Amino acid sequence: MSRMQQGTNNDVARIVATIIGGFLLAGLPLFHSVLDSLLIFAAIHSGTGIGYGQWLGWFGYTLLFNVVGGIALVTLLRLVRTKELIEERRAEVSADPGPRRES
């Protein structure tokens, strides 16, 4: 979300990105694989009846959704934005006559 905020000059877009980011991080019960793994390992070692197999099952789908989310929400969106930036730069270069040379 910080890239979205830095990539625009529109204040409304920055506010929307902030709200969406906050909602995704705090408003939904999303799994944070590293932090939750630490908590699960603590539970395993404290004798709660949770085993490494259960953790592995949980971690498998958490890893899958993190990869899918990273590819879809980060990589694909950046590729779309990169295409727009390349087109904008080409338009700027073709419109710019360049430095003048005096003869």
PDB file of N, CA and C in Angstrom:
ATOM      1  N   MET A   1       0.817  -1.190   0.000  1.00  0.00           N
ATOM      2  CA  MET A   1       0.000   0.000   0.000  1.00  0.00           C
ATOM      3  C   MET A   1       0.866   1.261   0.000  1.00  0.00           C
ATOM      4  N   SER A   2       2.044   1.169   0.608  1.00  0.00           N
ATOM      5  CA  SER A   2       2.903   2.355   0.627  1.00  0.00           C
ATOM      6  C   SER A   2       3.345   2.730  -0.783  1.00  0.00           C
ATOM      7  N   ARG A   3       3.535   1.736  -1.661  1.00  0.00           N
ATOM      8  CA  ARG A   3       3.881   2.043  -3.044  1.00  0.00           C
ATOM      9  C   ARG A   3       2.728   2.746  -3.740  1.00  0.00           C
ATOM     10  N   MET A   4       1.512   2.343  -3.406  1.00  0.00           N
ATOM     11  CA  MET A   4       0.352   2.995  -3.995  1.00  0.00           C
ATOM     12  C   MET A   4       0.264   4.444  -3.518  1.00  0.00           C
ATOM     13  N   GLN A   5       0.599   4.665  -2.246  1.00  0.00           N
ATOM     14  CA  GLN A   5       0.550   6.019  -1.716  1.00  0.00           C
ATOM     15  C   GLN A   5       1.636   6.895  -2.325  1.00  0.00           C
ATOM     16  N   GLN A   6       2.812   6.344  -2.518  1.00  0.00           N
ATOM     17  CA  GLN A   6       3.908   7.130  -3.072  1.00  0.00           C
ATOM     18  C   GLN A   6       3.783   7.309  -4.575  1.00  0.00           C
ATOM     19  N   GLY A   7       3.015   6.453  -5.219  1.00  0.00           N
ATOM     20  CA  GLY A   7       2.900   6.499  -6.670  1.00  0.00           C
ATOM     21  C   GLY A   7       1.867   7.468  -7.193  1.00  0.00           C
ATOM     22  N   THR A   8       1.181   8.178  -6.311  1.00  0.00           N
ATOM     23  CA  THR A   8       0.155   9.094  -6.761  1.00  0.00           C
ATOM     24  C   THR A   8       0.285  10.439  -6.063  1.00  0.00           C
ATOM     25  N   ASN A   9      -0.201  11.446  -6.726  1.00  0.00           N
ATOM     26  CA  ASN A   9      -0.271  12.778  -6.128  1.00  0.00           C
ATOM     27  C   ASN A   9      -1.680  13.093  -5.654  1.00  0.00           C
ATOM     28  N   ASN A  10      -2.618  12.177  -5.902  1.00  0.00           N
ATOM     29  CA  ASN A  10      -4.017  12.378  -5.540  1.00  0.00           C
ATOM     30  C   ASN A  10      -4.205  12.040  -4.062  1.00  0.00           C
ATOM     31  N   ASP A  11      -4.632  13.022  -3.281  1.00  0.00           N
ATOM     32  CA  ASP A  11      -4.798  12.817  -1.840  1.00  0.00           C
ATOM     33  C   ASP A  11      -5.905  11.818  -1.526  1.00  0.00           C
ATOM     34  N   VAL A  12      -6.967  11.810  -2.320  1.00  0.00           N
ATOM     35  CA  VAL A  12      -8.068  10.869  -2.088  1.00  0.00           C
ATOM     36  C   VAL A  12      -7.570   9.433  -2.288  1.00  0.00           C
ATOM     37  N   ALA A  13      -6.768   9.199  -3.314  1.00  0.00           N
ATOM     38  CA  ALA A  13      -6.223   7.863  -3.560  1.00  0.00           C
ATOM     39  C   ALA A  13      -5.314   7.434  -2.409  1.00  0.00           C
ATOM     40  N   ARG A  14      -4.567   8.363  -1.858  1.00  0.00           N
ATOM     41  CA  ARG A  14      -3.702   8.037  -0.712  1.00  0.00           C
ATOM     42  C   ARG A  14      -4.528   7.649   0.511  1.00  0.00           C
ATOM     43  N   ILE A  15      -5.606   8.365   0.749  1.00  0.00           N
ATOM     44  CA  ILE A  15      -6.469   8.063   1.893  1.00  0.00           C
ATOM     45  C   ILE A  15      -7.132   6.701   1.712  1.00  0.00           C
ATOM     46  N   VAL A  16      -7.611   6.426   0.507  1.00  0.00           N
ATOM     47  CA  VAL A  16      -8.250   5.138   0.229  1.00  0.00           C
ATOM     48  C   VAL A  16      -7.248   4.006   0.424  1.00  0.00           C
ATOM     49  N   ALA A  17      -6.029   4.172  -0.056  1.00  0.00           N
ATOM     50  CA  ALA A  17      -5.005   3.138   0.119  1.00  0.00           C
ATOM     51  C   ALA A  17      -4.693   2.929   1.593  1.00  0.00           C
ATOM     52  N   THR A  18      -4.680   3.984   2.376  1.00  0.00           N
ATOM     53  CA  THR A  18      -4.429   3.873   3.805  1.00  0.00           C
ATOM     54  C   THR A  18      -5.539   3.103   4.503  1.00  0.00           C
ATOM     55  N   ILE A  19      -6.776   3.415   4.165  1.00  0.00           N
ATOM     56  CA  ILE A  19      -7.915   2.735   4.782  1.00  0.00           C
ATOM     57  C   ILE A  19      -7.930   1.256   4.400  1.00  0.00           C
ATOM     58  N   ILE A  20      -7.701   0.968   3.124  1.00  0.00           N
ATOM     59  CA  ILE A  20      -7.682  -0.427   2.676  1.00  0.00           C
ATOM     60  C   ILE A  20      -6.547  -1.187   3.358  1.00  0.00           C
ATOM     61  N   GLY A  21      -5.379  -0.589   3.431  1.00  0.00           N
ATOM     62  CA  GLY A  21      -4.244  -1.245   4.088  1.00  0.00           C
ATOM     63  C   GLY A  21      -4.516  -1.531   5.555  1.00  0.00           C
ATOM     64  N   GLY A  22      -5.057  -0.562   6.250  1.00  0.00           N
ATOM     65  CA  GLY A  22      -5.393  -0.759   7.661  1.00  0.00           C
ATOM     66  C   GLY A  22      -6.444  -1.829   7.855  1.00  0.00           C
ATOM     67  N   PHE A  23      -7.447  -1.843   6.979  1.00  0.00           N
ATOM     68  CA  PHE A  23      -8.489  -2.858   7.080  1.00  0.00           C
ATOM     69  C   PHE A  23      -7.934  -4.259   6.821  1.00  0.00           C
ATOM     70  N   LEU A  24      -7.081  -4.377   5.797  1.00  0.00           N
ATOM     71  CA  LEU A  24      -6.509  -5.687   5.494  1.00  0.00           C
ATOM     72  C   LEU A  24      -5.618  -6.197   6.613  1.00  0.00           C
ATOM     73  N   LEU A  25      -4.853  -5.298   7.231  1.00  0.00           N
ATOM     74  CA  LEU A  25      -3.921  -5.724   8.277  1.00  0.00           C
ATOM     75  C   LEU A  25      -4.595  -5.948   9.629  1.00  0.00           C
ATOM     76  N   ALA A  26      -5.564  -5.110   9.977  1.00  0.00           N
ATOM     77  CA  ALA A  26      -6.139  -5.190  11.312  1.00  0.00           C
ATOM     78  C   ALA A  26      -7.597  -5.642  11.323  1.00  0.00           C
ATOM     79  N   GLY A  27      -8.327  -5.401  10.267  1.00  0.00           N
ATOM     80  CA  GLY A  27      -9.760  -5.669  10.262  1.00  0.00           C
ATOM     81  C   GLY A  27     -10.146  -7.081   9.894  1.00  0.00           C
ATOM     82  N   LEU A  28      -9.294  -7.785   9.195  1.00  0.00           N
ATOM     83  CA  LEU A  28      -9.606  -9.143   8.782  1.00  0.00           C
ATOM     84  C   LEU A  28      -8.755 -10.132   9.567  1.00  0.00           C
ATOM     85  N   PRO A  29      -9.262 -11.314   9.780  1.00  0.00           N
ATOM     86  CA  PRO A  29      -8.461 -12.321  10.495  1.00  0.00           C
ATOM     87  C   PRO A  29      -7.485 -13.024   9.548  1.00  0.00           C
ATOM     88  N   LEU A  30      -6.614 -12.258   8.912  1.00  0.00           N
ATOM     89  CA  LEU A  30      -5.634 -12.837   8.000  1.00  0.00           C
ATOM     90  C   LEU A  30      -4.494 -13.450   8.789  1.00  0.00           C
ATOM     91  N   PHE A  31      -3.932 -14.509   8.251  1.00  0.00           N
ATOM     92  CA  PHE A  31      -2.825 -15.172   8.902  1.00  0.00           C
ATOM     93  C   PHE A  31      -1.519 -14.525   8.497  1.00  0.00           C
ATOM     94  N   HIS A  32      -0.704 -14.236   9.480  1.00  0.00           N
ATOM     95  CA  HIS A  32       0.654 -13.789   9.227  1.00  0.00           C
ATOM     96  C   HIS A  32       1.532 -14.995   9.497  1.00  0.00           C
ATOM     97  N   SER A  33       2.042 -15.609   8.451  1.00  0.00           N
ATOM     98  CA  SER A  33       2.652 -16.935   8.566  1.00  0.00           C
ATOM     99  C   SER A  33       3.829 -16.988   9.536  1.00  0.00           C
ATOM    100  N   VAL A  34       4.640 -15.970   9.593  1.00  0.00           N
ATOM    101  CA  VAL A  34       5.807 -16.012  10.482  1.00  0.00           C
ATOM    102  C   VAL A  34       5.383 -15.836  11.944  1.00  0.00           C
ATOM    103  N   LEU A  35       4.607 -14.820  12.213  1.00  0.00           N
ATOM    104  CA  LEU A  35       4.181 -14.557  13.581  1.00  0.00           C
ATOM    105  C   LEU A  35       3.322 -15.701  14.118  1.00  0.00           C
ATOM    106  N   ASP A  36       2.356 -16.147  13.319  1.00  0.00           N
ATOM    107  CA  ASP A  36       1.492 -17.240  13.767  1.00  0.00           C
ATOM    108  C   ASP A  36       2.280 -18.537  13.934  1.00  0.00           C
ATOM    109  N   SER A  37       3.290 -18.766  13.111  1.00  0.00           N
ATOM    110  CA  SER A  37       4.125 -19.958  13.285  1.00  0.00           C
ATOM    111  C   SER A  37       4.853 -19.921  14.621  1.00  0.00           C
ATOM    112  N   LEU A  38       5.346 -18.763  15.020  1.00  0.00           N
ATOM    113  CA  LEU A  38       5.993 -18.643  16.327  1.00  0.00           C
ATOM    114  C   LEU A  38       5.023 -18.983  17.452  1.00  0.00           C
ATOM    115  N   LEU A  39       3.786 -18.495  17.326  1.00  0.00           N
ATOM    116  CA  LEU A  39       2.786 -18.792  18.346  1.00  0.00           C
ATOM    117  C   LEU A  39       2.442 -20.285  18.362  1.00  0.00           C
ATOM    118  N   ILE A  40       2.340 -20.885  17.181  1.00  0.00           N
ATOM    119  CA  ILE A  40       2.029 -22.311  17.102  1.00  0.00           C
ATOM    120  C   ILE A  40       3.168 -23.141  17.673  1.00  0.00           C
ATOM    121  N   PHE A  41       4.418 -22.776  17.363  1.00  0.00           N
ATOM    122  CA  PHE A  41       5.554 -23.514  17.924  1.00  0.00           C
ATOM    123  C   PHE A  41       5.568 -23.405  19.446  1.00  0.00           C
ATOM    124  N   ALA A  42       5.221 -22.244  19.965  1.00  0.00           N
ATOM    125  CA  ALA A  42       5.137 -22.098  21.424  1.00  0.00           C
ATOM    126  C   ALA A  42       4.052 -23.010  21.982  1.00  0.00           C
ATOM    127  N   ALA A  43       2.934 -23.120  21.266  1.00  0.00           N
ATOM    128  CA  ALA A  43       1.852 -24.006  21.706  1.00  0.00           C
ATOM    129  C   ALA A  43       2.286 -25.466  21.637  1.00  0.00           C
ATOM    130  N   ILE A  44       3.011 -25.826  20.591  1.00  0.00           N
ATOM    131  CA  ILE A  44       3.497 -27.206  20.458  1.00  0.00           C
ATOM    132  C   ILE A  44       4.397 -27.561  21.641  1.00  0.00           C
ATOM    133  N   HIS A  45       5.307 -26.668  21.979  1.00  0.00           N
ATOM    134  CA  HIS A  45       6.273 -26.953  23.046  1.00  0.00           C
ATOM    135  C   HIS A  45       5.684 -26.812  24.445  1.00  0.00           C
ATOM    136  N   SER A  46       4.516 -26.182  24.544  1.00  0.00           N
ATOM    137  CA  SER A  46       3.896 -26.075  25.867  1.00  0.00           C
ATOM    138  C   SER A  46       2.968 -27.243  26.164  1.00  0.00           C
ATOM    139  N   GLY A  47       2.832 -28.166  25.196  1.00  0.00           N
ATOM    140  CA  GLY A  47       2.062 -29.381  25.446  1.00  0.00           C
ATOM    141  C   GLY A  47       0.564 -29.243  25.257  1.00  0.00           C
ATOM    142  N   THR A  48       0.118 -28.463  24.294  1.00  0.00           N
ATOM    143  CA  THR A  48      -1.318 -28.257  24.082  1.00  0.00           C
ATOM    144  C   THR A  48      -1.962 -29.334  23.213  1.00  0.00           C
ATOM    145  N   GLY A  49      -1.202 -30.284  22.729  1.00  0.00           N
ATOM    146  CA  GLY A  49      -1.767 -31.330  21.886  1.00  0.00           C
ATOM    147  C   GLY A  49      -1.711 -31.005  20.401  1.00  0.00           C
ATOM    148  N   ILE A  50      -1.110 -29.901  20.060  1.00  0.00           N
ATOM    149  CA  ILE A  50      -0.925 -29.526  18.653  1.00  0.00           C
ATOM    150  C   ILE A  50       0.407 -30.098  18.202  1.00  0.00           C
ATOM    151  N   GLY A  51       0.429 -30.685  17.017  1.00  0.00           N
ATOM    152  CA  GLY A  51       1.658 -31.283  16.527  1.00  0.00           C
ATOM    153  C   GLY A  51       2.215 -30.576  15.311  1.00  0.00           C
ATOM    154  N   TYR A  52       3.410 -30.987  14.924  1.00  0.00           N
ATOM    155  CA  TYR A  52       4.042 -30.390  13.754  1.00  0.00           C
ATOM    156  C   TYR A  52       3.258 -30.689  12.473  1.00  0.00           C
ATOM    157  N   GLY A  53       2.598 -31.826  12.425  1.00  0.00           N
ATOM    158  CA  GLY A  53       1.773 -32.160  11.255  1.00  0.00           C
ATOM    159  C   GLY A  53       0.627 -31.179  11.086  1.00  0.00           C
ATOM    160  N   GLN A  54      -0.015 -30.799  12.178  1.00  0.00           N
ATOM    161  CA  GLN A  54      -1.094 -29.808  12.112  1.00  0.00           C
ATOM    162  C   GLN A  54      -0.541 -28.452  11.674  1.00  0.00           C
ATOM    163  N   TRP A  55       0.621 -28.107  12.203  1.00  0.00           N
ATOM    164  CA  TRP A  55       1.232 -26.846  11.775  1.00  0.00           C
ATOM    165  C   TRP A  55       1.538 -26.884  10.280  1.00  0.00           C
ATOM    166  N   LEU A  56       2.073 -28.011   9.800  1.00  0.00           N
ATOM    167  CA  LEU A  56       2.420 -28.129   8.391  1.00  0.00           C
ATOM    168  C   LEU A  56       1.176 -28.001   7.507  1.00  0.00           C
ATOM    169  N   GLY A  57       0.079 -28.601   7.916  1.00  0.00           N
ATOM    170  CA  GLY A  57      -1.173 -28.455   7.174  1.00  0.00           C
ATOM    171  C   GLY A  57      -1.633 -27.004   7.118  1.00  0.00           C
ATOM    172  N   TRP A  58      -1.551 -26.319   8.252  1.00  0.00           N
ATOM    173  CA  TRP A  58      -1.926 -24.903   8.286  1.00  0.00           C
ATOM    174  C   TRP A  58      -0.969 -24.063   7.437  1.00  0.00           C
ATOM    175  N   PHE A  59       0.313 -24.342   7.595  1.00  0.00           N
ATOM    176  CA  PHE A  59       1.316 -23.547   6.891  1.00  0.00           C
ATOM    177  C   PHE A  59       1.208 -23.734   5.378  1.00  0.00           C
ATOM    178  N   GLY A  60       0.799 -24.927   4.940  1.00  0.00           N
ATOM    179  CA  GLY A  60       0.675 -25.186   3.500  1.00  0.00           C
ATOM    180  C   GLY A  60      -0.307 -24.242   2.828  1.00  0.00           C
ATOM    181  N   TYR A  61      -1.528 -24.136   3.388  1.00  0.00           N
ATOM    182  CA  TYR A  61      -2.477 -23.234   2.733  1.00  0.00           C
ATOM    183  C   TYR A  61      -2.154 -21.768   2.997  1.00  0.00           C
ATOM    184  N   THR A  62      -1.544 -21.475   4.125  1.00  0.00           N
ATOM    185  CA  THR A  62      -1.117 -20.097   4.374  1.00  0.00           C
ATOM    186  C   THR A  62      -0.058 -19.678   3.361  1.00  0.00           C
ATOM    187  N   LEU A  63       0.891 -20.571   3.100  1.00  0.00           N
ATOM    188  CA  LEU A  63       1.929 -20.295   2.109  1.00  0.00           C
ATOM    189  C   LEU A  63       1.324 -20.124   0.712  1.00  0.00           C
ATOM    190  N   LEU A  64       0.395 -21.010   0.357  1.00  0.00           N
ATOM    191  CA  LEU A  64      -0.265 -20.924  -0.953  1.00  0.00           C
ATOM    192  C   LEU A  64      -0.960 -19.581  -1.136  1.00  0.00           C
ATOM    193  N   PHE A  65      -1.746 -19.166  -0.151  1.00  0.00           N
ATOM    194  CA  PHE A  65      -2.471 -17.904  -0.277  1.00  0.00           C
ATOM    195  C   PHE A  65      -1.540 -16.693  -0.235  1.00  0.00           C
ATOM    196  N   ASN A  66      -0.438 -16.788   0.502  1.00  0.00           N
ATOM    197  CA  ASN A  66       0.539 -15.696   0.486  1.00  0.00           C
ATOM    198  C   ASN A  66       1.190 -15.561  -0.882  1.00  0.00           C
ATOM    199  N   VAL A  67       1.505 -16.683  -1.511  1.00  0.00           N
ATOM    200  CA  VAL A  67       2.108 -16.647  -2.853  1.00  0.00           C
ATOM    201  C   VAL A  67       1.113 -16.103  -3.860  1.00  0.00           C
ATOM    202  N   VAL A  68      -0.125 -16.608  -3.830  1.00  0.00           N
ATOM    203  CA  VAL A  68      -1.153 -16.131  -4.767  1.00  0.00           C
ATOM    204  C   VAL A  68      -1.405 -14.639  -4.562  1.00  0.00           C
ATOM    205  N   GLY A  69      -1.514 -14.223  -3.312  1.00  0.00           N
ATOM    206  CA  GLY A  69      -1.727 -12.804  -3.029  1.00  0.00           C
ATOM    207  C   GLY A  69      -0.554 -11.949  -3.469  1.00  0.00           C
ATOM    208  N   GLY A  70       0.652 -12.433  -3.256  1.00  0.00           N
ATOM    209  CA  GLY A  70       1.833 -11.675  -3.668  1.00  0.00           C
ATOM    210  C   GLY A  70       1.921 -11.535  -5.172  1.00  0.00           C
ATOM    211  N   ILE A  71       1.601 -12.604  -5.878  1.00  0.00           N
ATOM    212  CA  ILE A  71       1.650 -12.539  -7.341  1.00  0.00           C
ATOM    213  C   ILE A  71       0.524 -11.675  -7.880  1.00  0.00           C
ATOM    214  N   ALA A  72      -0.691 -11.878  -7.370  1.00  0.00           N
ATOM    215  CA  ALA A  72      -1.843 -11.153  -7.906  1.00  0.00           C
ATOM    216  C   ALA A  72      -1.860  -9.695  -7.475  1.00  0.00           C
ATOM    217  N   LEU A  73      -1.618  -9.447  -6.197  1.00  0.00           N
ATOM    218  CA  LEU A  73      -1.779  -8.091  -5.685  1.00  0.00           C
ATOM    219  C   LEU A  73      -0.534  -7.229  -5.809  1.00  0.00           C
ATOM    220  N   VAL A  74       0.614  -7.844  -5.925  1.00  0.00           N
ATOM    221  CA  VAL A  74       1.837  -7.050  -6.017  1.00  0.00           C
ATOM    222  C   VAL A  74       2.406  -7.095  -7.434  1.00  0.00           C
ATOM    223  N   THR A  75       2.748  -8.275  -7.886  1.00  0.00           N
ATOM    224  CA  THR A  75       3.446  -8.400  -9.165  1.00  0.00           C
ATOM    225  C   THR A  75       2.586  -7.962 -10.341  1.00  0.00           C
ATOM    226  N   LEU A  76       1.365  -8.469 -10.447  1.00  0.00           N
ATOM    227  CA  LEU A  76       0.517  -8.116 -11.588  1.00  0.00           C
ATOM    228  C   LEU A  76       0.168  -6.627 -11.604  1.00  0.00           C
ATOM    229  N   LEU A  77      -0.128  -6.075 -10.426  1.00  0.00           N
ATOM    230  CA  LEU A  77      -0.435  -4.645 -10.373  1.00  0.00           C
ATOM    231  C   LEU A  77       0.778  -3.795 -10.747  1.00  0.00           C
ATOM    232  N   ARG A  78       1.961  -4.223 -10.338  1.00  0.00           N
ATOM    233  CA  ARG A  78       3.175  -3.477 -10.714  1.00  0.00           C
ATOM    234  C   ARG A  78       3.450  -3.596 -12.201  1.00  0.00           C
ATOM    235  N   LEU A  79       3.175  -4.765 -12.795  1.00  0.00           N
ATOM    236  CA  LEU A  79       3.359  -4.909 -14.238  1.00  0.00           C
ATOM    237  C   LEU A  79       2.414  -3.997 -15.009  1.00  0.00           C
ATOM    238  N   VAL A  80       1.172  -3.901 -14.552  1.00  0.00           N
ATOM    239  CA  VAL A  80       0.218  -2.994 -15.193  1.00  0.00           C
ATOM    240  C   VAL A  80       0.702  -1.556 -15.070  1.00  0.00           C
ATOM    241  N   ARG A  81       1.143  -1.182 -13.887  1.00  0.00           N
ATOM    242  CA  ARG A  81       1.630   0.187 -13.663  1.00  0.00           C
ATOM    243  C   ARG A  81       2.902   0.458 -14.465  1.00  0.00           C
ATOM    244  N   THR A  82       3.775  -0.524 -14.581  1.00  0.00           N
ATOM    245  CA  THR A  82       5.002  -0.343 -15.349  1.00  0.00           C
ATOM    246  C   THR A  82       4.683  -0.087 -16.811  1.00  0.00           C
ATOM    247  N   LYS A  83       3.699  -0.784 -17.346  1.00  0.00           N
ATOM    248  CA  LYS A  83       3.298  -0.563 -18.732  1.00  0.00           C
ATOM    249  C   LYS A  83       2.830   0.878 -18.931  1.00  0.00           C
ATOM    250  N   GLU A  84       2.039   1.383 -17.989  1.00  0.00           N
ATOM    251  CA  GLU A  84       1.582   2.774 -18.063  1.00  0.00           C
ATOM    252  C   GLU A  84       2.758   3.745 -17.997  1.00  0.00           C
ATOM    253  N   LEU A  85       3.705   3.490 -17.112  1.00  0.00           N
ATOM    254  CA  LEU A  85       4.866   4.373 -16.975  1.00  0.00           C
ATOM    255  C   LEU A  85       5.719   4.382 -18.238  1.00  0.00           C
ATOM    256  N   ILE A  86       5.893   3.215 -18.857  1.00  0.00           N
ATOM    257  CA  ILE A  86       6.671   3.148 -20.097  1.00  0.00           C
ATOM    258  C   ILE A  86       5.997   3.966 -21.184  1.00  0.00           C
ATOM    259  N   GLU A  87       4.679   3.849 -21.297  1.00  0.00           N
ATOM    260  CA  GLU A  87       3.949   4.627 -22.299  1.00  0.00           C
ATOM    261  C   GLU A  87       4.058   6.120 -22.027  1.00  0.00           C
ATOM    262  N   GLU A  88       3.972   6.521 -20.759  1.00  0.00           N
ATOM    263  CA  GLU A  88       4.101   7.940 -20.402  1.00  0.00           C
ATOM    264  C   GLU A  88       5.493   8.463 -20.754  1.00  0.00           C
ATOM    265  N   ARG A  89       6.513   7.685 -20.456  1.00  0.00           N
ATOM    266  CA  ARG A  89       7.888   8.113 -20.744  1.00  0.00           C
ATOM    267  C   ARG A  89       8.139   8.206 -22.238  1.00  0.00           C
ATOM    268  N   ARG A  90       7.591   7.274 -23.006  1.00  0.00           N
ATOM    269  CA  ARG A  90       7.730   7.352 -24.460  1.00  0.00           C
ATOM    270  C   ARG A  90       7.065   8.601 -25.000  1.00  0.00           C
ATOM    271  N   ALA A  91       5.899   8.947 -24.448  1.00  0.00           N
ATOM    272  CA  ALA A  91       5.208  10.157 -24.890  1.00  0.00           C
ATOM    273  C   ALA A  91       6.017  11.399 -24.531  1.00  0.00           C
ATOM    274  N   GLU A  92       6.641  11.401 -23.355  1.00  0.00           N
ATOM    275  CA  GLU A  92       7.461  12.545 -22.953  1.00  0.00           C
ATOM    276  C   GLU A  92       8.689  12.688 -23.844  1.00  0.00           C
ATOM    277  N   VAL A  93       9.324  11.574 -24.163  1.00  0.00           N
ATOM    278  CA  VAL A  93      10.525  11.608 -24.988  1.00  0.00           C
ATOM    279  C   VAL A  93      10.198  12.077 -26.399  1.00  0.00           C
ATOM    280  N   SER A  94       9.072  11.611 -26.952  1.00  0.00           N
ATOM    281  CA  SER A  94       8.718  12.018 -28.314  1.00  0.00           C
ATOM    282  C   SER A  94       8.281  13.476 -28.370  1.00  0.00           C
ATOM    283  N   ALA A  95       7.741  14.011 -27.266  1.00  0.00           N
ATOM    284  CA  ALA A  95       7.318  15.413 -27.235  1.00  0.00           C
ATOM    285  C   ALA A  95       8.480  16.359 -26.946  1.00  0.00           C
ATOM    286  N   ASP A  96       9.546  15.866 -26.335  1.00  0.00           N
ATOM    287  CA  ASP A  96      10.687  16.686 -25.964  1.00  0.00           C
ATOM    288  C   ASP A  96      11.638  16.810 -27.151  1.00  0.00           C
ATOM    289  N   PRO A  97      11.862  18.045 -27.648  1.00  0.00           N
ATOM    290  CA  PRO A  97      12.749  18.211 -28.790  1.00  0.00           C
ATOM    291  C   PRO A  97      14.223  18.016 -28.441  1.00  0.00           C
ATOM    292  N   GLY A  98      14.543  17.974 -27.153  1.00  0.00           N
ATOM    293  CA  GLY A  98      15.937  17.783 -26.757  1.00  0.00           C
ATOM    294  C   GLY A  98      16.681  19.104 -26.693  1.00  0.00           C
ATOM    295  N   PRO A  99      17.948  19.064 -26.294  1.00  0.00           N
ATOM    296  CA  PRO A  99      18.724  20.303 -26.199  1.00  0.00           C
ATOM    297  C   PRO A  99      19.037  20.857 -27.593  1.00  0.00           C
ATOM    298  N   ARG A 100      19.059  22.164 -27.661  1.00  0.00           N
ATOM    299  CA  ARG A 100      19.368  22.811 -28.935  1.00  0.00           C
ATOM    300  C   ARG A 100      20.864  22.960 -29.094  1.00  0.00           C
ATOM    301  N   ARG A 101      21.310  22.741 -30.305  1.00  0.00           N
ATOM    302  CA  ARG A 101      22.732  22.939 -30.615  1.00  0.00           C
ATOM    303  C   ARG A 101      22.886  24.216 -31.420  1.00  0.00           C
ATOM    304  N   GLU A 102      23.838  24.990 -31.026  1.00  0.00           N
ATOM    305  CA  GLU A 102      24.099  26.219 -31.783  1.00  0.00           C
ATOM    306  C   GLU A 102      25.204  25.925 -32.789  1.00  0.00           C
ATOM    307  N   SER A 103      24.995  26.418 -34.022  1.00  0.00           N
ATOM    308  CA  SER A 103      26.019  26.169 -35.035  1.00  0.00           C
ATOM    309  C   SER A 103      26.901  27.354 -35.209  1.00  0.00           C
TER     310      SER A 103
END
